[in-house]
């Protein structure tokens, strides 16, 4: 899975499409933040139970 994302990043940077790379990078960061927030919510829910 990581090689898939690494390949996408490499292609975007080699082709000089920096604006598309930045959109990809921001999207990846948003996905990570959403995952962390979901994990915190589940942890809080388990502690309340």
Protein backbone atom coordinates (compact mmCIF):
# COMPACT_ATOMS: atom_id res chain seq x y z
CA UNK A 1 0.00 0.00 0.00
CA UNK A 2 2.80 2.41 0.87
CA UNK A 3 4.55 1.69 -2.42
CA UNK A 4 1.36 2.63 -4.24
CA UNK A 5 1.28 6.07 -2.62
CA UNK A 6 5.03 6.50 -3.06
CA UNK A 7 4.66 5.76 -6.77
CA UNK A 8 1.88 8.35 -7.15
CA UNK A 9 4.01 10.99 -5.41
CA UNK A 10 7.02 10.18 -7.58
CA UNK A 11 5.05 10.42 -10.82
CA UNK A 12 3.46 13.74 -9.87
CA UNK A 13 6.80 15.27 -8.92
CA UNK A 14 8.62 13.96 -12.00
CA UNK A 15 5.98 15.35 -14.34
CA UNK A 16 6.24 18.78 -12.74
CA UNK A 17 2.66 18.81 -11.52
CA UNK A 18 3.37 20.44 -8.18
CA UNK A 19 -0.14 21.84 -7.75
CA UNK A 20 -1.62 18.34 -8.10
CA UNK A 21 1.02 17.04 -5.68
CA UNK A 22 0.04 19.62 -3.07
CA UNK A 23 -3.64 18.69 -3.47
CA UNK A 24 -2.68 15.04 -3.00
CA UNK A 25 -0.56 15.87 0.06
CA UNK A 26 -3.35 17.90 1.68
CA UNK A 27 -5.82 15.08 1.00
CA UNK A 28 -3.51 12.57 2.59
CA UNK A 29 -3.08 14.75 5.68
CA UNK A 30 -6.86 15.17 5.99
CA UNK A 31 -7.35 11.40 5.84
CA UNK A 32 -4.79 10.88 8.60
CA UNK A 33 -6.43 13.51 10.82
CA UNK A 34 -9.87 11.96 10.28
CA UNK A 35 -8.48 8.55 11.23
CA UNK A 36 -6.94 9.93 14.41
CA UNK A 37 -10.18 11.68 15.38
CA UNK A 38 -12.17 8.47 14.83
CA UNK A 39 -9.70 6.53 17.00
CA UNK A 40 -9.98 9.11 19.79
CA UNK A 41 -13.78 9.03 19.59
CA UNK A 42 -13.85 5.22 19.82
CA UNK A 43 -11.44 5.32 22.77
CA UNK A 44 -13.61 7.87 24.58
CA UNK A 45 -16.73 5.83 23.84
CA UNK A 46 -15.09 2.68 25.26
CA UNK A 47 -13.99 4.50 28.40
CA UNK A 48 -17.52 5.83 28.98
CA UNK A 49 -18.95 2.34 28.72
